[in-house]
Amino acid sequence: MALKHQSTAPYHSTQDALRVLETVARRSVGVTDAELVRRTGMRPDRLTVLLRMLCREGYVEQIAGGAYVTGETLRRLGSAQDREQTLRDRLQLSLGRLRDSVGAAVYLSWYVDGEVKIPQYADSPATPVVNEWVDFRCSAHATAIGKSLLTQLDHNGRRDHLSRHKMPRLTSRTITSDKLLLSRLESQPPTVPVLDLQEYAIGTVCAAVPITAGSAVGCLALSLPVEHAHRLRQAADTLNRNAGPVLLSLAL
């Protein structure tokens, strides 16, 4: 199945962070911020922002004298024994921070073996998840998550999915025409979040932005009660801007 490359996520930030980590990892005795500027070619202000994030996430640590060394999180991700649980824990922590920054339930989703999967999410009493009244695997046509994943497939991949899943009308706003849905997916701008404006459930609006890890197709999404619909686009932009730690965890 061919994929369409599109992304609104901050991949450049992730690549810069990886460059910093590679430089730190090469120097077991530590490397100063001045050395990092020289070795990576980054602006000092840019490097400061990245180092702050990397320290917060546990990827690097600052030792006596101010030098940076690899942190516990990076060491655990490099361990065959701890990697899977560490990755899940790091993703859950990042999702929780995203939930707090956007003020909404946040979801991590993947398209795996032709199906929509949502292995992790972060909610709270103030930001509850969507009531899954219809299996998300059978409602990709009506959800922001499903449509975001489908936009990342090629035309044949989308047709294959729709051939295996009917398109029932879940609300009066649900698209039930495969021709119309395919047209909407084809014209979806890569830099604009995919929206669900009460197409899956009355009273709920959602937005999703694509992420990728290697050849995997994924997305980050959020949901809000319809009375907060005016916050949807801003929340989606915040979700996208702050997706760096999720992408970094997946890239390592």
C-alpha atoms as a PDB file:
ATOM      1  CA  MET A   1       0.000   0.000   0.000  1.00  0.00           C
ATOM      2  CA  ALA A   2       1.514   3.327  -1.015  1.00  0.00           C
ATOM      3  CA  LEU A   3       1.396   6.284   1.335  1.00  0.00           C
ATOM      4  CA  LYS A   4       0.934   9.959   0.684  1.00  0.00           C
ATOM      5  CA  HIS A   5       3.553  11.960   2.563  1.00  0.00           C
ATOM      6  CA  GLN A   6       1.902  14.804   4.391  1.00  0.00           C
ATOM      7  CA  SER A   7       2.447  16.299   7.777  1.00  0.00           C
ATOM      8  CA  THR A   8       1.552  19.253   9.921  1.00  0.00           C
ATOM      9  CA  ALA A   9       3.726  18.014  12.788  1.00  0.00           C
ATOM     10  CA  PRO A  10       7.031  19.705  13.762  1.00  0.00           C
ATOM     11  CA  TYR A  11       9.397  17.246  12.092  1.00  0.00           C
ATOM     12  CA  HIS A  12      12.184  19.799  11.773  1.00  0.00           C
ATOM     13  CA  SER A  13      12.220  20.185  15.566  1.00  0.00           C
ATOM     14  CA  THR A  14      12.462  16.423  15.951  1.00  0.00           C
ATOM     15  CA  GLN A  15      15.361  16.240  13.519  1.00  0.00           C
ATOM     16  CA  ASP A  16      17.159  19.036  15.371  1.00  0.00           C
ATOM     17  CA  ALA A  17      16.600  17.275  18.692  1.00  0.00           C
ATOM     18  CA  LEU A  18      18.009  14.045  17.248  1.00  0.00           C
ATOM     19  CA  ARG A  19      21.119  15.920  16.093  1.00  0.00           C
ATOM     20  CA  VAL A  20      21.631  17.228  19.622  1.00  0.00           C
ATOM     21  CA  LEU A  21      21.155  13.764  21.126  1.00  0.00           C
ATOM     22  CA  GLU A  22      23.612  12.198  18.676  1.00  0.00           C
ATOM     23  CA  THR A  23      26.207  14.829  19.551  1.00  0.00           C
ATOM     24  CA  VAL A  24      25.720  14.344  23.295  1.00  0.00           C
ATOM     25  CA  ALA A  25      25.843  10.547  22.969  1.00  0.00           C
ATOM     26  CA  ARG A  26      29.232  10.691  21.246  1.00  0.00           C
ATOM     27  CA  ARG A  27      30.846  12.410  24.244  1.00  0.00           C
ATOM     28  CA  SER A  28      30.658  10.197  27.338  1.00  0.00           C
ATOM     29  CA  VAL A  29      32.365  12.892  29.423  1.00  0.00           C
ATOM     30  CA  GLY A  30      29.695  15.412  28.483  1.00  0.00           C
ATOM     31  CA  VAL A  31      29.431  18.313  26.072  1.00  0.00           C
ATOM     32  CA  THR A  32      28.815  21.982  26.869  1.00  0.00           C
ATOM     33  CA  ASP A  33      26.195  24.133  25.213  1.00  0.00           C
ATOM     34  CA  ALA A  34      28.958  26.139  23.521  1.00  0.00           C
ATOM     35  CA  GLU A  35      30.347  22.922  22.044  1.00  0.00           C
ATOM     36  CA  LEU A  36      26.856  21.892  20.940  1.00  0.00           C
ATOM     37  CA  VAL A  37      26.399  25.189  19.116  1.00  0.00           C
ATOM     38  CA  ARG A  38      29.702  24.650  17.337  1.00  0.00           C
ATOM     39  CA  ARG A  39      29.115  20.985  16.494  1.00  0.00           C
ATOM     40  CA  THR A  40      25.460  21.251  15.418  1.00  0.00           C
ATOM     41  CA  GLY A  41      25.560  24.706  13.835  1.00  0.00           C
ATOM     42  CA  MET A  42      22.354  25.704  15.633  1.00  0.00           C
ATOM     43  CA  ARG A  43      21.597  29.166  16.935  1.00  0.00           C
ATOM     44  CA  PRO A  44      22.144  29.437  20.721  1.00  0.00           C
ATOM     45  CA  ASP A  45      18.502  30.427  21.348  1.00  0.00           C
ATOM     46  CA  ARG A  46      17.262  27.475  19.314  1.00  0.00           C
ATOM     47  CA  LEU A  47      19.592  25.100  21.149  1.00  0.00           C
ATOM     48  CA  THR A  48      18.462  26.444  24.528  1.00  0.00           C
ATOM     49  CA  VAL A  49      14.825  25.602  23.739  1.00  0.00           C
ATOM     50  CA  LEU A  50      15.741  22.078  22.608  1.00  0.00           C
ATOM     51  CA  LEU A  51      17.960  21.398  25.629  1.00  0.00           C
ATOM     52  CA  ARG A  52      15.183  22.534  27.956  1.00  0.00           C
ATOM     53  CA  MET A  53      12.779  20.075  26.330  1.00  0.00           C
ATOM     54  CA  LEU A  54      15.331  17.239  26.270  1.00  0.00           C
ATOM     55  CA  CYS A  55      16.146  17.731  29.953  1.00  0.00           C
ATOM     56  CA  ARG A  56      12.453  17.838  30.877  1.00  0.00           C
ATOM     57  CA  GLU A  57      11.829  14.590  29.008  1.00  0.00           C
ATOM     58  CA  GLY A  58      14.862  12.887  30.561  1.00  0.00           C
ATOM     59  CA  TYR A  59      16.795  12.446  27.307  1.00  0.00           C
ATOM     60  CA  VAL A  60      19.774  14.480  28.531  1.00  0.00           C
ATOM     61  CA  GLU A  61      21.033  15.524  31.969  1.00  0.00           C
ATOM     62  CA  GLN A  62      23.208  18.444  33.009  1.00  0.00           C
ATOM     63  CA  ILE A  63      26.128  17.498  35.232  1.00  0.00           C
ATOM     64  CA  ALA A  64      28.464  19.538  37.444  1.00  0.00           C
ATOM     65  CA  GLY A  65      30.240  22.145  35.361  1.00  0.00           C
ATOM     66  CA  GLY A  66      27.254  22.582  33.044  1.00  0.00           C
ATOM     67  CA  ALA A  67      28.010  19.839  30.497  1.00  0.00           C
ATOM     68  CA  TYR A  68      25.246  17.623  29.106  1.00  0.00           C
ATOM     69  CA  VAL A  69      25.250  13.810  29.103  1.00  0.00           C
ATOM     70  CA  THR A  70      22.691  11.218  28.029  1.00  0.00           C
ATOM     71  CA  GLY A  71      19.737  10.869  30.383  1.00  0.00           C
ATOM     72  CA  GLU A  72      17.920   7.928  31.904  1.00  0.00           C
ATOM     73  CA  THR A  73      15.084   7.962  29.370  1.00  0.00           C
ATOM     74  CA  LEU A  74      17.491   7.666  26.445  1.00  0.00           C
ATOM     75  CA  ARG A  75      19.385   4.857  28.158  1.00  0.00           C
ATOM     76  CA  ARG A  76      16.168   2.935  28.850  1.00  0.00           C
ATOM     77  CA  LEU A  77      14.941   3.373  25.281  1.00  0.00           C
ATOM     78  CA  GLY A  78      18.241   1.898  24.146  1.00  0.00           C
ATOM     79  CA  SER A  79      17.703  -1.194  26.305  1.00  0.00           C
ATOM     80  CA  ALA A  80      16.027  -4.166  24.629  1.00  0.00           C
ATOM     81  CA  GLN A  81      14.531  -5.172  27.969  1.00  0.00           C
ATOM     82  CA  ASP A  82      13.023  -1.806  28.931  1.00  0.00           C
ATOM     83  CA  ARG A  83      12.303  -0.235  25.558  1.00  0.00           C
ATOM     84  CA  GLU A  84       8.651  -1.213  25.022  1.00  0.00           C
ATOM     85  CA  GLN A  85       7.422  -0.178  28.460  1.00  0.00           C
ATOM     86  CA  THR A  86       9.595   2.949  28.491  1.00  0.00           C
ATOM     87  CA  LEU A  87       8.213   4.022  25.115  1.00  0.00           C
ATOM     88  CA  ARG A  88       4.638   3.487  26.263  1.00  0.00           C
ATOM     89  CA  ASP A  89       5.297   5.406  29.476  1.00  0.00           C
ATOM     90  CA  ARG A  90       6.946   8.297  27.623  1.00  0.00           C
ATOM     91  CA  LEU A  91       4.097   8.507  25.129  1.00  0.00           C
ATOM     92  CA  GLN A  92       1.529   8.486  27.936  1.00  0.00           C
ATOM     93  CA  LEU A  93       3.373  11.272  29.729  1.00  0.00           C
ATOM     94  CA  SER A  94       3.532  13.316  26.520  1.00  0.00           C
ATOM     95  CA  LEU A  95      -0.173  12.740  25.838  1.00  0.00           C
ATOM     96  CA  GLY A  96      -0.989  13.915  29.356  1.00  0.00           C
ATOM     97  CA  ARG A  97       0.973  17.118  28.823  1.00  0.00           C
ATOM     98  CA  LEU A  98      -0.743  17.660  25.481  1.00  0.00           C
ATOM     99  CA  ARG A  99      -4.134  17.152  27.146  1.00  0.00           C
ATOM    100  CA  ASP A 100      -3.301  19.845  29.671  1.00  0.00           C
ATOM    101  CA  SER A 101      -1.918  22.257  27.060  1.00  0.00           C
ATOM    102  CA  VAL A 102      -4.942  21.989  24.737  1.00  0.00           C
ATOM    103  CA  GLY A 103      -7.605  21.522  27.415  1.00  0.00           C
ATOM    104  CA  ALA A 104      -9.071  18.468  25.703  1.00  0.00           C
ATOM    105  CA  ALA A 105      -8.862  14.682  25.636  1.00  0.00           C
ATOM    106  CA  VAL A 106      -5.965  13.631  23.375  1.00  0.00           C
ATOM    107  CA  TYR A 107      -5.608  10.414  21.373  1.00  0.00           C
ATOM    108  CA  LEU A 108      -2.742   8.597  19.629  1.00  0.00           C
ATOM    109  CA  SER A 109      -3.937   6.497  16.694  1.00  0.00           C
ATOM    110  CA  TRP A 110      -2.359   4.234  14.066  1.00  0.00           C
ATOM    111  CA  TYR A 111      -3.535   2.555  10.889  1.00  0.00           C
ATOM    112  CA  VAL A 112      -2.439  -1.052  11.432  1.00  0.00           C
ATOM    113  CA  ASP A 113      -3.187  -3.976   9.093  1.00  0.00           C
ATOM    114  CA  GLY A 114      -5.945  -2.012   7.413  1.00  0.00           C
ATOM    115  CA  GLU A 115      -7.686  -0.961  10.615  1.00  0.00           C
ATOM    116  CA  VAL A 116      -7.906   2.104  12.868  1.00  0.00           C
ATOM    117  CA  LYS A 117      -6.259   1.520  16.247  1.00  0.00           C
ATOM    118  CA  ILE A 118      -6.197   3.853  19.268  1.00  0.00           C
ATOM    119  CA  PRO A 119      -3.669   2.269  21.643  1.00  0.00           C
ATOM    120  CA  GLN A 120      -3.256   5.264  23.975  1.00  0.00           C
ATOM    121  CA  TYR A 121      -5.134   8.374  25.036  1.00  0.00           C
ATOM    122  CA  ALA A 122      -5.117  10.903  27.874  1.00  0.00           C
ATOM    123  CA  ASP A 123      -8.283  12.226  29.474  1.00  0.00           C
ATOM    124  CA  SER A 124      -9.451  13.622  32.792  1.00  0.00           C
ATOM    125  CA  PRO A 125     -12.751  14.340  34.544  1.00  0.00           C
ATOM    126  CA  ALA A 126     -12.686  17.815  32.980  1.00  0.00           C
ATOM    127  CA  THR A 127     -11.664  16.507  29.543  1.00  0.00           C
ATOM    128  CA  PRO A 128     -13.497  13.197  28.999  1.00  0.00           C
ATOM    129  CA  VAL A 129     -12.945  10.983  25.977  1.00  0.00           C
ATOM    130  CA  VAL A 130     -15.570  10.509  23.303  1.00  0.00           C
ATOM    131  CA  ASN A 131     -18.185   7.882  24.072  1.00  0.00           C
ATOM    132  CA  GLU A 132     -17.354   5.115  21.553  1.00  0.00           C
ATOM    133  CA  TRP A 133     -20.939   4.366  20.703  1.00  0.00           C
ATOM    134  CA  VAL A 134     -19.890   2.954  17.304  1.00  0.00           C
ATOM    135  CA  ASP A 135     -16.602   1.034  17.026  1.00  0.00           C
ATOM    136  CA  PHE A 136     -13.923   3.438  15.795  1.00  0.00           C
ATOM    137  CA  ARG A 137     -12.683   0.713  13.428  1.00  0.00           C
ATOM    138  CA  CYS A 138     -16.023   0.862  11.611  1.00  0.00           C
ATOM    139  CA  SER A 139     -16.449   4.640  11.572  1.00  0.00           C
ATOM    140  CA  ALA A 140     -13.317   6.055   9.958  1.00  0.00           C
ATOM    141  CA  HIS A 141     -15.527   7.904   7.476  1.00  0.00           C
ATOM    142  CA  ALA A 142     -17.047   9.953  10.301  1.00  0.00           C
ATOM    143  CA  THR A 143     -14.147  10.662  12.684  1.00  0.00           C
ATOM    144  CA  ALA A 144     -11.266  13.117  12.513  1.00  0.00           C
ATOM    145  CA  ILE A 145      -8.929  10.264  13.417  1.00  0.00           C
ATOM    146  CA  GLY A 146     -10.197   8.013  10.655  1.00  0.00           C
ATOM    147  CA  LYS A 147     -10.144  10.711   8.018  1.00  0.00           C
ATOM    148  CA  SER A 148      -6.640  11.833   9.022  1.00  0.00           C
ATOM    149  CA  LEU A 149      -5.362   8.269   8.666  1.00  0.00           C
ATOM    150  CA  LEU A 150      -7.143   7.781   5.339  1.00  0.00           C
ATOM    151  CA  THR A 151      -5.714  11.006   3.904  1.00  0.00           C
ATOM    152  CA  GLN A 152      -2.253   9.524   4.384  1.00  0.00           C
ATOM    153  CA  LEU A 153      -3.059   6.514   2.206  1.00  0.00           C
ATOM    154  CA  ASP A 154      -3.046   6.601  -1.574  1.00  0.00           C
ATOM    155  CA  HIS A 155      -6.277   6.387  -3.572  1.00  0.00           C
ATOM    156  CA  ASN A 156      -6.187   2.592  -3.765  1.00  0.00           C
ATOM    157  CA  GLY A 157      -5.542   2.313  -0.049  1.00  0.00           C
ATOM    158  CA  ARG A 158      -8.571   4.459   0.707  1.00  0.00           C
ATOM    159  CA  ARG A 159     -10.785   2.477  -1.678  1.00  0.00           C
ATOM    160  CA  ASP A 160      -9.612  -0.750  -0.094  1.00  0.00           C
ATOM    161  CA  HIS A 161     -10.603   0.502   3.350  1.00  0.00           C
ATOM    162  CA  LEU A 162     -14.025   1.717   2.206  1.00  0.00           C
ATOM    163  CA  SER A 163     -14.653  -1.562   0.385  1.00  0.00           C
ATOM    164  CA  ARG A 164     -14.294  -3.375   3.720  1.00  0.00           C
ATOM    165  CA  HIS A 165     -16.299  -0.944   5.821  1.00  0.00           C
ATOM    166  CA  LYS A 166     -19.784   0.380   5.200  1.00  0.00           C
ATOM    167  CA  MET A 167     -20.462   4.095   5.712  1.00  0.00           C
ATOM    168  CA  PRO A 168     -23.539   4.283   7.947  1.00  0.00           C
ATOM    169  CA  ARG A 169     -25.132   7.615   8.785  1.00  0.00           C
ATOM    170  CA  LEU A 170     -24.243   8.269  12.418  1.00  0.00           C
ATOM    171  CA  THR A 171     -25.577  11.830  12.566  1.00  0.00           C
ATOM    172  CA  SER A 172     -27.209  14.187  10.085  1.00  0.00           C
ATOM    173  CA  ARG A 173     -23.718  15.507   9.275  1.00  0.00           C
ATOM    174  CA  THR A 174     -22.121  12.141   8.422  1.00  0.00           C
ATOM    175  CA  ILE A 175     -20.841  11.709   4.876  1.00  0.00           C
ATOM    176  CA  THR A 176     -22.255   8.445   3.530  1.00  0.00           C
ATOM    177  CA  SER A 177     -21.182   8.769  -0.108  1.00  0.00           C
ATOM    178  CA  ASP A 178     -17.831   7.136  -0.810  1.00  0.00           C
ATOM    179  CA  LYS A 179     -17.433   9.369  -3.880  1.00  0.00           C
ATOM    180  CA  LEU A 180     -17.905  12.522  -1.811  1.00  0.00           C
ATOM    181  CA  LEU A 181     -15.664  11.274   0.988  1.00  0.00           C
ATOM    182  CA  LEU A 182     -12.871  10.337  -1.435  1.00  0.00           C
ATOM    183  CA  SER A 183     -13.134  13.778  -3.016  1.00  0.00           C
ATOM    184  CA  ARG A 184     -12.896  15.467   0.399  1.00  0.00           C
ATOM    185  CA  LEU A 185      -9.899  13.341   1.392  1.00  0.00           C
ATOM    186  CA  GLU A 186      -8.126  14.068  -1.873  1.00  0.00           C
ATOM    187  CA  SER A 187      -8.562  17.825  -1.455  1.00  0.00           C
ATOM    188  CA  GLN A 188      -7.581  17.906   2.240  1.00  0.00           C
ATOM    189  CA  PRO A 189      -4.626  20.357   2.566  1.00  0.00           C
ATOM    190  CA  PRO A 190      -1.639  18.705   4.284  1.00  0.00           C
ATOM    191  CA  THR A 191      -1.102  21.681   6.572  1.00  0.00           C
ATOM    192  CA  VAL A 192      -4.706  21.903   7.795  1.00  0.00           C
ATOM    193  CA  PRO A 193      -6.009  19.674  10.649  1.00  0.00           C
ATOM    194  CA  VAL A 194      -8.772  17.221   9.728  1.00  0.00           C
ATOM    195  CA  LEU A 195     -12.014  18.050  11.519  1.00  0.00           C
ATOM    196  CA  ASP A 196     -15.086  16.145  12.678  1.00  0.00           C
ATOM    197  CA  LEU A 197     -17.911  18.585  13.340  1.00  0.00           C
ATOM    198  CA  GLN A 198     -20.513  16.316  14.966  1.00  0.00           C
ATOM    199  CA  GLU A 199     -20.166  13.735  12.193  1.00  0.00           C
ATOM    200  CA  TYR A 200     -19.495  10.866  14.617  1.00  0.00           C
ATOM    201  CA  ALA A 201     -21.549  11.986  17.611  1.00  0.00           C
ATOM    202  CA  ILE A 202     -23.924  14.862  18.286  1.00  0.00           C
ATOM    203  CA  GLY A 203     -22.409  17.159  20.878  1.00  0.00           C
ATOM    204  CA  THR A 204     -18.755  16.422  20.053  1.00  0.00           C
ATOM    205  CA  VAL A 205     -16.213  18.007  17.716  1.00  0.00           C
ATOM    206  CA  CYS A 206     -12.738  16.625  16.997  1.00  0.00           C
ATOM    207  CA  ALA A 207      -9.534  17.482  15.153  1.00  0.00           C
ATOM    208  CA  ALA A 208      -6.558  15.373  14.074  1.00  0.00           C
ATOM    209  CA  VAL A 209      -3.057  16.032  12.758  1.00  0.00           C
ATOM    210  CA  PRO A 210      -0.930  13.379  11.027  1.00  0.00           C
ATOM    211  CA  ILE A 211       2.238  11.853  12.439  1.00  0.00           C
ATOM    212  CA  THR A 212       4.466   9.153  11.004  1.00  0.00           C
ATOM    213  CA  ALA A 213       7.059   6.797  12.436  1.00  0.00           C
ATOM    214  CA  GLY A 214       8.967   5.118   9.648  1.00  0.00           C
ATOM    215  CA  SER A 215       6.408   3.622   7.292  1.00  0.00           C
ATOM    216  CA  ALA A 216       3.629   3.658   9.907  1.00  0.00           C
ATOM    217  CA  VAL A 217       0.630   5.943   9.435  1.00  0.00           C
ATOM    218  CA  GLY A 218      -0.616   7.696  12.540  1.00  0.00           C
ATOM    219  CA  CYS A 219      -2.206  10.805  13.960  1.00  0.00           C
ATOM    220  CA  LEU A 220      -2.726  12.801  17.109  1.00  0.00           C
ATOM    221  CA  ALA A 221      -6.273  13.914  17.797  1.00  0.00           C
ATOM    222  CA  LEU A 222      -8.367  15.797  20.327  1.00  0.00           C
ATOM    223  CA  SER A 223     -12.049  15.983  21.167  1.00  0.00           C
ATOM    224  CA  LEU A 224     -14.158  18.771  22.649  1.00  0.00           C
ATOM    225  CA  PRO A 225     -17.816  19.196  23.591  1.00  0.00           C
ATOM    226  CA  VAL A 226     -19.631  21.187  20.926  1.00  0.00           C
ATOM    227  CA  GLU A 227     -20.027  24.184  23.245  1.00  0.00           C
ATOM    228  CA  HIS A 228     -16.233  24.553  22.977  1.00  0.00           C
ATOM    229  CA  ALA A 229     -16.204  24.279  19.175  1.00  0.00           C
ATOM    230  CA  HIS A 230     -14.863  27.833  18.946  1.00  0.00           C
ATOM    231  CA  ARG A 231     -11.617  26.534  20.499  1.00  0.00           C
ATOM    232  CA  LEU A 232     -11.198  23.643  18.077  1.00  0.00           C
ATOM    233  CA  ARG A 233      -8.834  25.129  15.493  1.00  0.00           C
ATOM    234  CA  GLN A 234      -6.643  26.857  18.062  1.00  0.00           C
ATOM    235  CA  ALA A 235      -6.468  23.659  20.121  1.00  0.00           C
ATOM    236  CA  ALA A 236      -5.518  21.690  16.992  1.00  0.00           C
ATOM    237  CA  ASP A 237      -2.747  24.166  16.234  1.00  0.00           C
ATOM    238  CA  THR A 238      -1.471  23.858  19.815  1.00  0.00           C
ATOM    239  CA  LEU A 239      -1.600  20.070  19.557  1.00  0.00           C
ATOM    240  CA  ASN A 240       0.444  20.220  16.376  1.00  0.00           C
ATOM    241  CA  ARG A 241       3.038  22.673  17.706  1.00  0.00           C
ATOM    242  CA  ASN A 242       3.592  20.653  20.873  1.00  0.00           C
ATOM    243  CA  ALA A 243       3.785  17.214  19.246  1.00  0.00           C
ATOM    244  CA  GLY A 244       7.604  17.197  19.293  1.00  0.00           C
ATOM    245  CA  PRO A 245       8.098  14.938  22.356  1.00  0.00           C
ATOM    246  CA  VAL A 246       5.722  12.330  20.882  1.00  0.00           C
ATOM    247  CA  LEU A 247       7.567  12.351  17.562  1.00  0.00           C
ATOM    248  CA  LEU A 248      10.946  12.202  19.299  1.00  0.00           C
ATOM    249  CA  SER A 249       9.938   9.174  21.392  1.00  0.00           C
ATOM    250  CA  LEU A 250       8.747   7.398  18.242  1.00  0.00           C
ATOM    251  CA  ALA A 251      11.920   8.304  16.328  1.00  0.00           C
ATOM    252  CA  LEU A 252      14.333   6.872  18.906  1.00  0.00           C
END
